Structures are given as C-alpha cells and as structure tokens.
C-alpha cells in the first residue's frame, strides 16, 4: 500500500514569529489559516511547498493538547506528521487490530482522516489521511496550488529512546516505511526533531521553531 509524508506540523507558543521564519528561510508563499483548528483550541498557518505542506499551530486557550506538549517539552518544536494513504479503510482496520487508539476522526466528501494517540505511537501525533482525488489536499486551503512555493517535503526524523521498536510500530501501523522517514536515538524523546526539504538554491540547515530544517537535493 502506498504511503507518503504529505504534511509536517510544528507547535509554537507564538504563531507569527515561527511562521515568519518559515517564510523567510524556505521561500514560502502566503499561508492558509484554517478556521477548523479552532475545534482544538488552536490557530495555524499552513504553507504549501510543491504538493506537500508545512504547518505551524499555536494554542489559543488553556487545556489544549498542543499547550501540554509545549509545557512537557519546554518550548516550540515538532508536533505532528500527516501521512497520505491510498486505502484508509484498511489502515483504520489495521490500527484497531494493533490496539492503537484513535483520538479524532473525520470523513468528508474530499478527504478522510484519523489522528492516532501519541502514547500508542510514540514520538509525535500521527494522522493518516486519504484525499479524494489523491492529488488534492483540503488542509492546504482553497487555491493552495497557486500559493505553493517551489520545492518539496523530503522527509522527517523522529527522535525517541528506542528508535528500532518505535520504527517497527510505525511501519506496522502505516503498512510500510514511508520514503524519507527516519528514526534517531534520543533519551529526551523530543519526537519530531528534523524536517528535510528541497528548496531551490538552499543547502545546509536552519533552526526554526525548535526543529532543524535540513536542505537536501534528494526527493524520496
């Protein structure tokens, strides 16, 4: 079954400074602010890069999962990864068989999604999504194709204490290892610590919102 990383999400106490740094460093276009994330006590900015997305979210009230994440990790950082699958029904069935809990689900005419419990997955909130048709992406907002910057979302690194067992868990749930997804040892369990991107004319790394952005010419 095909699975790919379609969106990577950061969490920040203050949205604008991190969103601004993303725009400057990655040459991104105008972001989409999704009113739907208000359900979770958040505001956000979603940037299109190629046909993939980088998002930053920020809490707007007390008692949110994002706020607890910020407190637990001591500041801004990686938060969530969203994978596109071609058979969400089969993925949901496999998730249930593996005993992984769903924390949120939605089924819309143009996309269906399931968020998986981070305590069961380790390292980050994982969402599995199926857009219809596959090249679309509701979470990018209307007209995201016109706002997309040149480049690509090439991968992500999840840093956890026992990367081998966590990698196996993710592969079981996702039905395989998505291209560009890596796991690294980290006693602090910082989770999503690195995002790989291709950006024309850029190389090296940049630190944005508690995450290392690694510029690469390789697209998986």
N, C-alpha and C. Protein backbone atom coordinates (compact mmCIF):
# COMPACT_ATOMS: atom_id res chain seq x y z
N UNK A 1 0.84 -1.19 0.00
CA UNK A 1 0.00 0.00 0.00
C UNK A 1 0.88 1.24 0.00
N UNK A 2 0.57 2.20 -0.86
CA UNK A 2 1.35 3.42 -0.95
C UNK A 2 1.08 4.31 0.26
N UNK A 3 2.15 4.89 0.81
CA UNK A 3 2.02 5.84 1.91
C UNK A 3 3.14 6.86 1.76
N UNK A 4 2.80 8.14 1.95
CA UNK A 4 3.81 9.19 1.84
C UNK A 4 3.57 10.26 2.89
N UNK A 5 4.64 10.92 3.29
CA UNK A 5 4.55 12.06 4.17
C UNK A 5 4.03 13.25 3.36
N UNK A 6 2.87 13.76 3.75
CA UNK A 6 2.26 14.87 2.99
C UNK A 6 2.33 16.19 3.75
N UNK A 7 2.40 16.12 5.10
CA UNK A 7 2.40 17.36 5.88
C UNK A 7 3.15 17.16 7.18
N UNK A 8 3.98 18.14 7.56
CA UNK A 8 4.69 18.14 8.84
C UNK A 8 4.26 19.37 9.63
N UNK A 9 4.08 19.18 10.94
CA UNK A 9 3.47 20.23 11.77
C UNK A 9 4.37 20.57 12.95
N UNK A 10 4.59 21.87 13.16
CA UNK A 10 5.29 22.40 14.32
C UNK A 10 4.27 22.99 15.29
N UNK A 11 4.67 23.09 16.56
CA UNK A 11 3.83 23.78 17.54
C UNK A 11 4.67 24.89 18.16
N UNK A 12 4.04 26.08 18.32
CA UNK A 12 4.76 27.24 18.84
C UNK A 12 3.88 28.01 19.82
N UNK A 13 4.50 28.60 20.83
CA UNK A 13 3.74 29.44 21.75
C UNK A 13 3.20 30.66 21.02
N UNK A 14 4.02 31.25 20.14
CA UNK A 14 3.62 32.43 19.37
C UNK A 14 3.70 32.07 17.89
N UNK A 15 2.58 32.17 17.20
CA UNK A 15 2.49 31.72 15.82
C UNK A 15 3.32 32.57 14.86
N UNK A 16 3.17 33.89 14.93
CA UNK A 16 3.71 34.75 13.88
C UNK A 16 5.23 34.67 13.74
N UNK A 17 6.02 34.69 14.83
CA UNK A 17 7.48 34.62 14.63
C UNK A 17 7.94 33.35 13.92
N UNK A 18 7.33 32.22 14.25
CA UNK A 18 7.74 30.97 13.62
C UNK A 18 7.24 30.93 12.17
N UNK A 19 6.01 31.35 11.94
CA UNK A 19 5.50 31.39 10.57
C UNK A 19 6.34 32.33 9.71
N UNK A 20 6.74 33.45 10.26
CA UNK A 20 7.58 34.38 9.52
C UNK A 20 8.94 33.80 9.19
N UNK A 21 9.54 33.10 10.14
CA UNK A 21 10.84 32.47 9.90
C UNK A 21 10.73 31.39 8.83
N UNK A 22 9.65 30.63 8.85
CA UNK A 22 9.45 29.61 7.81
C UNK A 22 9.39 30.27 6.43
N UNK A 23 8.66 31.35 6.31
CA UNK A 23 8.53 32.04 5.02
C UNK A 23 9.89 32.54 4.54
N UNK A 24 10.65 33.15 5.43
CA UNK A 24 11.94 33.71 5.03
C UNK A 24 12.93 32.62 4.65
N UNK A 25 13.06 31.63 5.49
CA UNK A 25 14.11 30.62 5.29
C UNK A 25 13.80 29.66 4.16
N UNK A 26 12.51 29.35 3.95
CA UNK A 26 12.13 28.36 2.95
C UNK A 26 11.54 28.98 1.69
N UNK A 27 11.45 30.30 1.66
CA UNK A 27 10.90 30.97 0.49
C UNK A 27 9.45 30.62 0.23
N UNK A 28 8.67 30.50 1.30
CA UNK A 28 7.28 30.05 1.17
C UNK A 28 6.35 31.20 0.82
N UNK A 29 5.20 30.84 0.27
CA UNK A 29 4.20 31.83 -0.10
C UNK A 29 3.26 32.15 1.03
N UNK A 30 2.15 32.76 0.69
CA UNK A 30 1.14 33.15 1.68
C UNK A 30 0.55 31.91 2.33
N UNK A 31 0.42 31.90 3.66
CA UNK A 31 -0.15 30.72 4.33
C UNK A 31 -1.67 30.74 4.33
N UNK A 32 -2.24 29.57 4.57
CA UNK A 32 -3.68 29.41 4.78
C UNK A 32 -3.93 29.28 6.27
N UNK A 33 -4.87 30.04 6.79
CA UNK A 33 -5.29 29.91 8.18
C UNK A 33 -6.61 29.15 8.20
N UNK A 34 -6.58 27.96 8.78
CA UNK A 34 -7.73 27.06 8.76
C UNK A 34 -8.60 27.31 9.99
N UNK A 35 -9.81 27.81 9.82
CA UNK A 35 -10.67 28.04 10.98
C UNK A 35 -11.07 26.75 11.67
N UNK A 36 -10.96 25.61 10.98
CA UNK A 36 -11.35 24.34 11.56
C UNK A 36 -10.53 23.93 12.76
N UNK A 37 -9.28 24.42 12.87
CA UNK A 37 -8.44 24.01 14.00
C UNK A 37 -8.88 24.69 15.30
N UNK A 38 -9.80 25.64 15.19
CA UNK A 38 -10.37 26.22 16.40
C UNK A 38 -11.04 25.19 17.28
N UNK A 39 -11.50 24.09 16.67
CA UNK A 39 -12.08 22.98 17.43
C UNK A 39 -11.12 22.44 18.48
N UNK A 40 -9.82 22.52 18.17
CA UNK A 40 -8.79 22.01 19.07
C UNK A 40 -8.17 23.11 19.94
N UNK A 41 -8.74 24.31 19.90
CA UNK A 41 -8.18 25.43 20.65
C UNK A 41 -6.89 25.94 20.05
N UNK A 42 -6.82 25.96 18.72
CA UNK A 42 -5.61 26.35 18.02
C UNK A 42 -5.89 27.41 16.96
N UNK A 43 -4.85 28.09 16.56
CA UNK A 43 -4.80 28.79 15.28
C UNK A 43 -3.58 28.28 14.54
N UNK A 44 -3.55 28.49 13.23
CA UNK A 44 -2.46 27.88 12.48
C UNK A 44 -2.09 28.70 11.26
N UNK A 45 -1.01 28.27 10.62
CA UNK A 45 -0.59 28.76 9.31
C UNK A 45 -0.08 27.55 8.55
N UNK A 46 -0.67 27.32 7.36
CA UNK A 46 -0.32 26.16 6.55
C UNK A 46 0.31 26.65 5.25
N UNK A 47 1.55 26.21 4.99
CA UNK A 47 2.29 26.62 3.81
C UNK A 47 2.41 25.45 2.84
N UNK A 48 2.19 25.73 1.56
CA UNK A 48 2.37 24.71 0.53
C UNK A 48 3.78 24.80 -0.03
N UNK A 49 4.44 23.63 -0.15
CA UNK A 49 5.75 23.54 -0.77
C UNK A 49 5.68 22.37 -1.75
N UNK A 50 5.74 22.67 -3.04
CA UNK A 50 5.43 21.64 -4.02
C UNK A 50 3.98 21.22 -3.84
N UNK A 51 3.76 19.90 -3.72
CA UNK A 51 2.40 19.42 -3.43
C UNK A 51 2.29 18.90 -2.01
N UNK A 52 3.19 19.36 -1.14
CA UNK A 52 3.17 18.98 0.28
C UNK A 52 3.06 20.24 1.14
N UNK A 53 3.09 20.06 2.49
CA UNK A 53 2.71 21.16 3.36
C UNK A 53 3.51 21.17 4.65
N UNK A 54 3.78 22.37 5.12
CA UNK A 54 4.39 22.59 6.43
C UNK A 54 3.45 23.52 7.20
N UNK A 55 3.11 23.12 8.40
CA UNK A 55 2.14 23.85 9.21
C UNK A 55 2.75 24.18 10.56
N UNK A 56 2.36 25.33 11.11
CA UNK A 56 2.67 25.65 12.50
C UNK A 56 1.36 25.97 13.20
N UNK A 57 1.18 25.39 14.39
CA UNK A 57 -0.02 25.63 15.19
C UNK A 57 0.36 26.28 16.51
N UNK A 58 -0.59 27.00 17.09
CA UNK A 58 -0.35 27.67 18.37
C UNK A 58 -1.64 27.66 19.18
N UNK A 59 -1.56 27.36 20.49
CA UNK A 59 -2.77 27.31 21.33
C UNK A 59 -3.39 28.69 21.50
N UNK A 60 -4.72 28.70 21.57
CA UNK A 60 -5.46 29.94 21.82
C UNK A 60 -6.17 29.92 23.16
N UNK A 61 -6.09 28.81 23.88
CA UNK A 61 -6.75 28.71 25.19
C UNK A 61 -6.00 27.70 26.05
N UNK A 62 -6.34 27.66 27.29
CA UNK A 62 -5.73 26.70 28.22
C UNK A 62 -6.29 25.30 27.98
N UNK A 63 -5.52 24.30 28.39
CA UNK A 63 -6.02 22.93 28.40
C UNK A 63 -6.01 22.23 27.07
N UNK A 64 -5.20 22.69 26.12
CA UNK A 64 -5.13 22.02 24.83
C UNK A 64 -3.99 20.99 24.81
N UNK A 65 -4.12 20.02 23.91
CA UNK A 65 -3.04 19.05 23.74
C UNK A 65 -1.76 19.74 23.29
N UNK A 66 -1.88 20.74 22.43
CA UNK A 66 -0.71 21.48 21.97
C UNK A 66 -0.05 22.23 23.12
N UNK A 67 -0.85 22.82 24.00
CA UNK A 67 -0.31 23.52 25.15
C UNK A 67 0.42 22.58 26.09
N UNK A 68 -0.14 21.41 26.30
CA UNK A 68 0.52 20.42 27.16
C UNK A 68 1.83 19.96 26.53
N UNK A 69 1.85 19.83 25.22
CA UNK A 69 3.08 19.44 24.53
C UNK A 69 4.16 20.50 24.74
N UNK A 70 3.79 21.78 24.59
CA UNK A 70 4.75 22.85 24.80
C UNK A 70 5.31 22.83 26.22
N UNK A 71 4.43 22.61 27.20
CA UNK A 71 4.89 22.57 28.60
C UNK A 71 5.79 21.36 28.85
N UNK A 72 5.42 20.23 28.30
CA UNK A 72 6.18 19.00 28.52
C UNK A 72 7.57 19.07 27.90
N UNK A 73 7.67 19.72 26.75
CA UNK A 73 8.95 19.77 26.03
C UNK A 73 9.70 21.08 26.25
N UNK A 74 9.12 21.98 27.00
CA UNK A 74 9.82 23.20 27.36
C UNK A 74 9.91 24.24 26.26
N UNK A 75 9.03 24.16 25.27
CA UNK A 75 9.04 25.19 24.22
C UNK A 75 8.63 24.65 22.87
N UNK A 76 8.87 25.48 21.86
CA UNK A 76 8.47 25.15 20.50
C UNK A 76 9.18 23.90 19.99
N UNK A 77 8.53 23.22 19.03
CA UNK A 77 9.16 22.03 18.46
C UNK A 77 8.25 21.33 17.48
N UNK A 78 8.67 20.14 17.07
CA UNK A 78 7.86 19.34 16.17
C UNK A 78 6.67 18.75 16.90
N UNK A 79 5.57 18.53 16.17
CA UNK A 79 4.33 18.16 16.83
C UNK A 79 3.60 16.99 16.18
N UNK A 80 3.53 17.00 14.85
CA UNK A 80 2.63 16.07 14.18
C UNK A 80 3.15 15.77 12.78
N UNK A 81 2.87 14.57 12.30
CA UNK A 81 3.15 14.22 10.91
C UNK A 81 1.89 13.61 10.31
N UNK A 82 1.59 14.01 9.08
CA UNK A 82 0.38 13.56 8.41
C UNK A 82 0.78 12.78 7.17
N UNK A 83 0.32 11.53 7.12
CA UNK A 83 0.66 10.65 6.02
C UNK A 83 -0.56 10.44 5.12
N UNK A 84 -0.33 10.48 3.83
CA UNK A 84 -1.36 10.17 2.87
C UNK A 84 -1.31 8.68 2.54
N UNK A 85 -2.46 8.02 2.66
CA UNK A 85 -2.56 6.59 2.33
C UNK A 85 -3.58 6.42 1.21
N UNK A 86 -3.49 5.30 0.51
CA UNK A 86 -4.42 5.09 -0.60
C UNK A 86 -5.59 4.18 -0.23
N UNK A 87 -5.61 3.69 1.02
CA UNK A 87 -6.73 2.86 1.49
C UNK A 87 -6.90 3.08 2.98
N UNK A 88 -7.60 4.15 3.34
CA UNK A 88 -7.75 4.49 4.76
C UNK A 88 -8.59 3.46 5.50
N UNK A 89 -9.55 2.87 4.83
CA UNK A 89 -10.36 1.85 5.48
C UNK A 89 -9.49 0.70 5.97
N UNK A 90 -8.57 0.24 5.13
CA UNK A 90 -7.67 -0.84 5.52
C UNK A 90 -6.73 -0.39 6.63
N UNK A 91 -6.27 0.86 6.55
CA UNK A 91 -5.37 1.39 7.57
C UNK A 91 -6.08 1.47 8.92
N UNK A 92 -7.31 1.96 8.93
CA UNK A 92 -8.07 2.03 10.17
C UNK A 92 -8.28 0.65 10.77
N UNK A 93 -8.56 -0.33 9.93
CA UNK A 93 -8.75 -1.69 10.43
C UNK A 93 -7.47 -2.21 11.07
N UNK A 94 -6.34 -1.94 10.43
CA UNK A 94 -5.05 -2.39 10.97
C UNK A 94 -4.73 -1.68 12.29
N UNK A 95 -5.02 -0.39 12.36
CA UNK A 95 -4.81 0.37 13.60
C UNK A 95 -5.60 -0.26 14.74
N UNK A 96 -6.86 -0.60 14.49
CA UNK A 96 -7.68 -1.23 15.52
C UNK A 96 -7.14 -2.57 15.95
N UNK A 97 -6.69 -3.37 15.00
CA UNK A 97 -6.14 -4.69 15.32
C UNK A 97 -4.88 -4.59 16.16
N UNK A 98 -4.11 -3.51 15.97
CA UNK A 98 -2.86 -3.32 16.72
C UNK A 98 -3.09 -2.67 18.08
N UNK A 99 -4.32 -2.32 18.40
CA UNK A 99 -4.64 -1.73 19.69
C UNK A 99 -4.25 -0.28 19.84
N UNK A 100 -4.05 0.41 18.72
CA UNK A 100 -3.73 1.84 18.75
C UNK A 100 -5.04 2.62 18.82
N UNK A 101 -5.10 3.59 19.71
CA UNK A 101 -6.32 4.36 19.91
C UNK A 101 -6.42 5.52 18.90
N UNK A 102 -7.64 5.76 18.47
CA UNK A 102 -7.95 6.95 17.67
C UNK A 102 -8.30 8.09 18.63
N UNK A 103 -7.76 9.29 18.35
CA UNK A 103 -8.12 10.44 19.17
C UNK A 103 -9.06 11.40 18.43
N UNK A 104 -9.15 11.27 17.10
CA UNK A 104 -10.04 12.13 16.31
C UNK A 104 -10.17 11.53 14.93
N UNK A 105 -11.40 11.59 14.38
CA UNK A 105 -11.62 11.08 13.04
C UNK A 105 -12.64 11.96 12.33
N UNK A 106 -12.50 12.04 11.01
CA UNK A 106 -13.46 12.78 10.22
C UNK A 106 -13.55 12.14 8.83
N UNK A 107 -14.74 12.18 8.27
CA UNK A 107 -14.97 11.69 6.91
C UNK A 107 -15.75 12.74 6.15
N UNK A 108 -15.10 13.36 5.18
CA UNK A 108 -15.69 14.39 4.34
C UNK A 108 -15.70 13.91 2.90
N UNK A 109 -16.46 14.56 2.03
CA UNK A 109 -16.51 14.10 0.64
C UNK A 109 -15.14 14.08 -0.04
N UNK A 110 -14.25 15.04 0.33
CA UNK A 110 -12.96 15.15 -0.37
C UNK A 110 -11.77 14.67 0.44
N UNK A 111 -11.96 14.30 1.70
CA UNK A 111 -10.85 13.78 2.49
C UNK A 111 -11.40 13.09 3.74
N UNK A 112 -10.71 12.03 4.15
CA UNK A 112 -10.99 11.37 5.43
C UNK A 112 -9.68 11.30 6.20
N UNK A 113 -9.77 11.38 7.54
CA UNK A 113 -8.56 11.43 8.35
C UNK A 113 -8.79 10.79 9.70
N UNK A 114 -7.71 10.22 10.25
CA UNK A 114 -7.72 9.68 11.60
C UNK A 114 -6.44 10.09 12.31
N UNK A 115 -6.58 10.70 13.50
CA UNK A 115 -5.43 11.02 14.34
C UNK A 115 -5.23 9.88 15.34
N UNK A 116 -3.99 9.45 15.50
CA UNK A 116 -3.67 8.32 16.36
C UNK A 116 -3.04 8.80 17.66
N UNK A 117 -3.31 8.09 18.74
CA UNK A 117 -2.87 8.52 20.07
C UNK A 117 -1.34 8.50 20.15
N UNK A 118 -0.73 9.64 20.52
CA UNK A 118 0.74 9.69 20.57
C UNK A 118 1.35 8.75 21.60
N UNK A 119 0.62 8.43 22.66
CA UNK A 119 1.14 7.49 23.64
C UNK A 119 1.26 6.08 23.08
N UNK A 120 0.42 5.77 22.09
CA UNK A 120 0.47 4.45 21.46
C UNK A 120 1.48 4.39 20.32
N UNK A 121 1.75 5.54 19.70
CA UNK A 121 2.67 5.60 18.56
C UNK A 121 4.08 5.98 18.97
N UNK A 122 4.20 6.90 19.93
CA UNK A 122 5.47 7.45 20.39
C UNK A 122 6.07 8.42 19.37
N UNK A 123 6.58 9.51 19.86
CA UNK A 123 7.35 10.43 19.04
C UNK A 123 6.58 11.61 18.47
N UNK A 124 5.32 11.42 18.12
CA UNK A 124 4.54 12.50 17.52
C UNK A 124 3.10 12.06 17.39
N UNK A 125 2.21 13.02 17.20
CA UNK A 125 0.86 12.68 16.75
C UNK A 125 0.97 12.24 15.30
N UNK A 126 0.38 11.13 14.97
CA UNK A 126 0.36 10.62 13.60
C UNK A 126 -1.06 10.71 13.08
N UNK A 127 -1.21 11.28 11.89
CA UNK A 127 -2.50 11.27 11.22
C UNK A 127 -2.37 10.51 9.91
N UNK A 128 -3.37 9.71 9.60
CA UNK A 128 -3.44 9.01 8.32
C UNK A 128 -4.65 9.54 7.57
N UNK A 129 -4.41 10.03 6.35
CA UNK A 129 -5.42 10.75 5.60
C UNK A 129 -5.53 10.19 4.18
N UNK A 130 -6.74 10.23 3.63
CA UNK A 130 -6.95 9.84 2.24
C UNK A 130 -7.75 10.92 1.53
N UNK A 131 -7.09 11.73 0.69
CA UNK A 131 -7.81 12.75 -0.08
C UNK A 131 -8.42 12.14 -1.34
N UNK A 132 -9.51 12.75 -1.79
CA UNK A 132 -10.21 12.30 -3.00
C UNK A 132 -10.48 13.52 -3.88
N UNK A 133 -9.84 13.60 -5.08
CA UNK A 133 -8.86 12.66 -5.62
C UNK A 133 -7.50 12.81 -4.93
N UNK A 134 -6.57 11.87 -5.18
CA UNK A 134 -5.32 11.81 -4.40
C UNK A 134 -4.45 13.05 -4.49
N UNK A 135 -4.53 13.78 -5.58
CA UNK A 135 -3.65 14.95 -5.73
C UNK A 135 -4.15 16.17 -4.99
N UNK A 136 -5.36 16.10 -4.41
CA UNK A 136 -5.92 17.24 -3.68
C UNK A 136 -5.45 17.20 -2.22
N UNK A 137 -5.75 18.30 -1.49
CA UNK A 137 -5.40 18.35 -0.06
C UNK A 137 -6.19 19.46 0.60
N UNK A 138 -7.32 19.10 1.17
CA UNK A 138 -8.23 20.07 1.77
C UNK A 138 -7.54 20.94 2.82
N UNK A 139 -6.63 20.34 3.60
CA UNK A 139 -6.00 21.06 4.72
C UNK A 139 -5.09 22.20 4.22
N UNK A 140 -4.75 22.20 2.92
CA UNK A 140 -3.94 23.28 2.39
C UNK A 140 -4.73 24.54 2.08
N UNK A 141 -6.06 24.43 2.09
CA UNK A 141 -6.91 25.58 1.84
C UNK A 141 -7.21 25.77 0.37
N UNK A 142 -8.21 26.59 0.06
CA UNK A 142 -8.58 26.84 -1.35
C UNK A 142 -7.42 27.46 -2.12
N UNK A 143 -7.18 26.95 -3.31
CA UNK A 143 -6.16 27.54 -4.18
C UNK A 143 -4.73 27.35 -3.72
N UNK A 144 -4.48 26.30 -2.93
CA UNK A 144 -3.11 26.11 -2.45
C UNK A 144 -2.11 25.92 -3.58
N UNK A 145 -2.58 25.38 -4.70
CA UNK A 145 -1.67 25.16 -5.83
C UNK A 145 -1.05 26.46 -6.32
N UNK A 146 -1.82 27.54 -6.28
CA UNK A 146 -1.31 28.84 -6.73
C UNK A 146 -0.37 29.47 -5.71
N UNK A 147 -0.49 29.06 -4.45
CA UNK A 147 0.36 29.62 -3.39
C UNK A 147 1.59 28.76 -3.11
N UNK A 148 1.71 27.61 -3.76
CA UNK A 148 2.78 26.68 -3.45
C UNK A 148 4.15 27.22 -3.89
N UNK A 149 5.11 27.14 -2.98
CA UNK A 149 6.49 27.52 -3.29
C UNK A 149 7.18 26.36 -3.99
N UNK A 150 8.18 26.64 -4.80
CA UNK A 150 8.94 25.55 -5.41
C UNK A 150 9.71 24.77 -4.35
N UNK A 151 9.77 23.46 -4.52
CA UNK A 151 10.47 22.63 -3.56
C UNK A 151 9.67 21.39 -3.23
N UNK A 152 10.05 20.74 -2.13
CA UNK A 152 9.39 19.50 -1.73
C UNK A 152 9.64 19.23 -0.26
N UNK A 153 8.70 18.53 0.35
CA UNK A 153 8.87 17.98 1.69
C UNK A 153 9.51 16.61 1.52
N UNK A 154 10.78 16.47 1.92
CA UNK A 154 11.55 15.27 1.56
C UNK A 154 11.63 14.24 2.67
N UNK A 155 11.31 14.59 3.92
CA UNK A 155 11.40 13.59 4.97
C UNK A 155 11.29 14.19 6.35
N UNK A 156 11.35 13.33 7.35
CA UNK A 156 11.25 13.75 8.75
C UNK A 156 12.01 12.76 9.62
N UNK A 157 12.57 13.26 10.72
CA UNK A 157 13.27 12.41 11.68
C UNK A 157 12.54 12.45 13.01
N UNK A 158 12.24 11.28 13.55
CA UNK A 158 11.57 11.13 14.83
C UNK A 158 12.60 10.63 15.83
N UNK A 159 12.86 11.41 16.90
CA UNK A 159 13.90 11.11 17.87
C UNK A 159 13.28 10.57 19.15
N UNK A 160 13.59 9.32 19.48
CA UNK A 160 13.00 8.63 20.63
C UNK A 160 14.06 7.74 21.29
N UNK A 161 13.73 7.26 22.51
CA UNK A 161 14.70 6.46 23.25
C UNK A 161 15.05 5.15 22.56
N UNK A 162 14.07 4.46 22.03
CA UNK A 162 14.30 3.16 21.40
C UNK A 162 13.80 3.21 19.95
N UNK A 163 14.59 3.82 19.07
CA UNK A 163 14.11 4.07 17.71
C UNK A 163 13.75 2.81 16.93
N UNK A 164 14.42 1.69 17.22
CA UNK A 164 14.12 0.46 16.49
C UNK A 164 12.70 -0.02 16.73
N UNK A 165 12.28 -0.05 18.00
CA UNK A 165 10.95 -0.54 18.30
C UNK A 165 9.87 0.45 17.86
N UNK A 166 10.16 1.75 17.97
CA UNK A 166 9.20 2.75 17.52
C UNK A 166 9.05 2.71 16.00
N UNK A 167 10.16 2.54 15.30
CA UNK A 167 10.11 2.42 13.84
C UNK A 167 9.26 1.21 13.43
N UNK A 168 9.44 0.10 14.14
CA UNK A 168 8.65 -1.09 13.82
C UNK A 168 7.17 -0.85 14.03
N UNK A 169 6.85 -0.14 15.11
CA UNK A 169 5.45 0.18 15.41
C UNK A 169 4.84 1.02 14.30
N UNK A 170 5.55 2.08 13.91
CA UNK A 170 5.04 2.95 12.86
C UNK A 170 4.87 2.17 11.55
N UNK A 171 5.82 1.33 11.23
CA UNK A 171 5.74 0.56 9.99
C UNK A 171 4.55 -0.41 10.01
N UNK A 172 4.30 -1.00 11.18
CA UNK A 172 3.12 -1.87 11.30
C UNK A 172 1.84 -1.08 11.04
N UNK A 173 1.74 0.09 11.66
CA UNK A 173 0.53 0.90 11.54
C UNK A 173 0.35 1.42 10.12
N UNK A 174 1.44 1.91 9.53
CA UNK A 174 1.36 2.55 8.23
C UNK A 174 1.39 1.56 7.07
N UNK A 175 1.75 0.33 7.37
CA UNK A 175 1.85 -0.66 6.31
C UNK A 175 3.14 -0.59 5.54
N UNK A 176 4.17 0.00 6.14
CA UNK A 176 5.47 0.13 5.50
C UNK A 176 6.16 1.40 5.95
N UNK A 177 7.41 1.58 5.54
CA UNK A 177 8.18 2.78 5.89
C UNK A 177 8.04 3.81 4.77
N UNK A 178 7.39 4.94 5.05
CA UNK A 178 7.28 5.98 4.03
C UNK A 178 8.65 6.50 3.62
N UNK A 179 8.84 6.85 2.37
CA UNK A 179 10.11 7.43 1.93
C UNK A 179 10.47 8.66 2.75
N UNK A 180 11.73 8.75 3.15
CA UNK A 180 12.21 9.92 3.87
C UNK A 180 11.97 9.91 5.37
N UNK A 181 11.28 8.91 5.89
CA UNK A 181 11.01 8.85 7.33
C UNK A 181 12.16 8.13 8.03
N UNK A 182 12.75 8.79 9.04
CA UNK A 182 13.87 8.22 9.79
C UNK A 182 13.59 8.30 11.28
N UNK A 183 14.30 7.44 12.03
CA UNK A 183 14.19 7.42 13.49
C UNK A 183 15.60 7.49 14.08
N UNK A 184 15.74 8.28 15.15
CA UNK A 184 17.05 8.50 15.75
C UNK A 184 16.97 8.33 17.26
N UNK A 185 18.07 7.89 17.89
CA UNK A 185 18.07 7.72 19.35
C UNK A 185 18.10 9.07 20.07
N UNK A 186 17.31 9.17 21.13
CA UNK A 186 17.23 10.42 21.89
C UNK A 186 16.61 10.11 23.25
N UNK A 187 17.42 10.17 24.30
CA UNK A 187 16.92 9.87 25.64
C UNK A 187 15.84 10.86 26.10
N UNK A 188 15.84 12.05 25.53
CA UNK A 188 14.86 13.07 25.91
C UNK A 188 13.53 12.89 25.19
N UNK A 189 13.45 11.98 24.24
CA UNK A 189 12.21 11.72 23.50
C UNK A 189 11.62 13.01 22.92
N UNK A 190 12.43 13.75 22.17
CA UNK A 190 11.97 15.04 21.65
C UNK A 190 11.01 14.89 20.48
N UNK A 191 10.94 13.71 19.88
CA UNK A 191 9.95 13.47 18.82
C UNK A 191 10.41 13.98 17.47
N UNK A 192 9.57 14.80 16.83
CA UNK A 192 9.88 15.33 15.50
C UNK A 192 10.95 16.42 15.64
N UNK A 193 12.19 16.06 15.32
CA UNK A 193 13.31 16.98 15.53
C UNK A 193 13.88 17.55 14.24
N UNK A 194 13.63 16.88 13.12
CA UNK A 194 14.20 17.34 11.85
C UNK A 194 13.21 17.15 10.72
N UNK A 195 13.14 18.12 9.84
CA UNK A 195 12.33 18.05 8.63
C UNK A 195 13.25 18.30 7.45
N UNK A 196 13.24 17.38 6.50
CA UNK A 196 14.06 17.53 5.29
C UNK A 196 13.22 18.17 4.19
N UNK A 197 13.78 19.18 3.55
CA UNK A 197 13.08 19.87 2.47
C UNK A 197 14.04 20.13 1.32
N UNK A 198 13.49 20.21 0.12
CA UNK A 198 14.26 20.72 -1.01
C UNK A 198 13.76 22.12 -1.31
N UNK A 199 14.70 23.06 -1.37
CA UNK A 199 14.40 24.45 -1.66
C UNK A 199 15.43 24.94 -2.66
N UNK A 200 15.02 25.42 -3.80
CA UNK A 200 15.98 25.86 -4.81
C UNK A 200 17.00 26.84 -4.25
N UNK A 201 18.28 26.53 -4.47
CA UNK A 201 19.35 27.43 -4.06
C UNK A 201 19.76 27.33 -2.61
N UNK A 202 19.16 26.44 -1.84
CA UNK A 202 19.49 26.33 -0.42
C UNK A 202 20.18 25.02 -0.12
N UNK A 203 21.11 25.07 0.84
CA UNK A 203 21.77 23.87 1.34
C UNK A 203 22.06 24.09 2.82
N UNK A 204 22.55 23.05 3.49
CA UNK A 204 22.84 23.16 4.91
C UNK A 204 21.60 22.97 5.76
N UNK A 205 21.53 23.70 6.87
CA UNK A 205 20.41 23.56 7.80
C UNK A 205 19.95 24.92 8.31
N UNK A 206 18.76 24.95 8.87
CA UNK A 206 18.23 26.13 9.54
C UNK A 206 17.41 25.67 10.74
N UNK A 207 17.53 26.38 11.85
CA UNK A 207 16.76 26.08 13.06
C UNK A 207 15.55 26.98 13.10
N UNK A 208 14.36 26.39 13.04
CA UNK A 208 13.12 27.16 13.03
C UNK A 208 12.13 26.51 13.97
N UNK A 209 11.63 27.25 14.94
CA UNK A 209 10.59 26.75 15.82
C UNK A 209 10.97 25.48 16.56
N UNK A 210 12.24 25.36 16.95
CA UNK A 210 12.68 24.19 17.70
C UNK A 210 12.92 22.96 16.86
N UNK A 211 12.91 23.10 15.54
CA UNK A 211 13.12 21.98 14.61
C UNK A 211 14.26 22.32 13.67
N UNK A 212 15.09 21.34 13.36
CA UNK A 212 16.13 21.52 12.35
C UNK A 212 15.56 21.24 10.97
N UNK A 213 15.65 22.22 10.09
CA UNK A 213 15.28 22.02 8.69
C UNK A 213 16.56 21.72 7.91
N UNK A 214 16.61 20.56 7.30
CA UNK A 214 17.77 20.14 6.52
C UNK A 214 17.44 20.28 5.04
N UNK A 215 18.23 21.06 4.35
CA UNK A 215 18.02 21.29 2.93
C UNK A 215 18.74 20.22 2.13
N UNK A 216 18.02 19.54 1.27
CA UNK A 216 18.57 18.43 0.52
C UNK A 216 18.11 18.51 -0.92
N UNK A 217 18.93 18.00 -1.82
CA UNK A 217 18.54 17.92 -3.22
C UNK A 217 17.82 16.63 -3.52
N UNK A 218 17.81 15.71 -2.56
CA UNK A 218 17.19 14.40 -2.79
C UNK A 218 15.72 14.42 -2.40
N UNK A 219 14.90 13.96 -3.31
CA UNK A 219 13.47 13.82 -3.04
C UNK A 219 13.14 12.34 -3.09
N UNK A 220 12.66 11.74 -1.99
CA UNK A 220 12.40 10.29 -1.99
C UNK A 220 11.27 9.91 -2.93
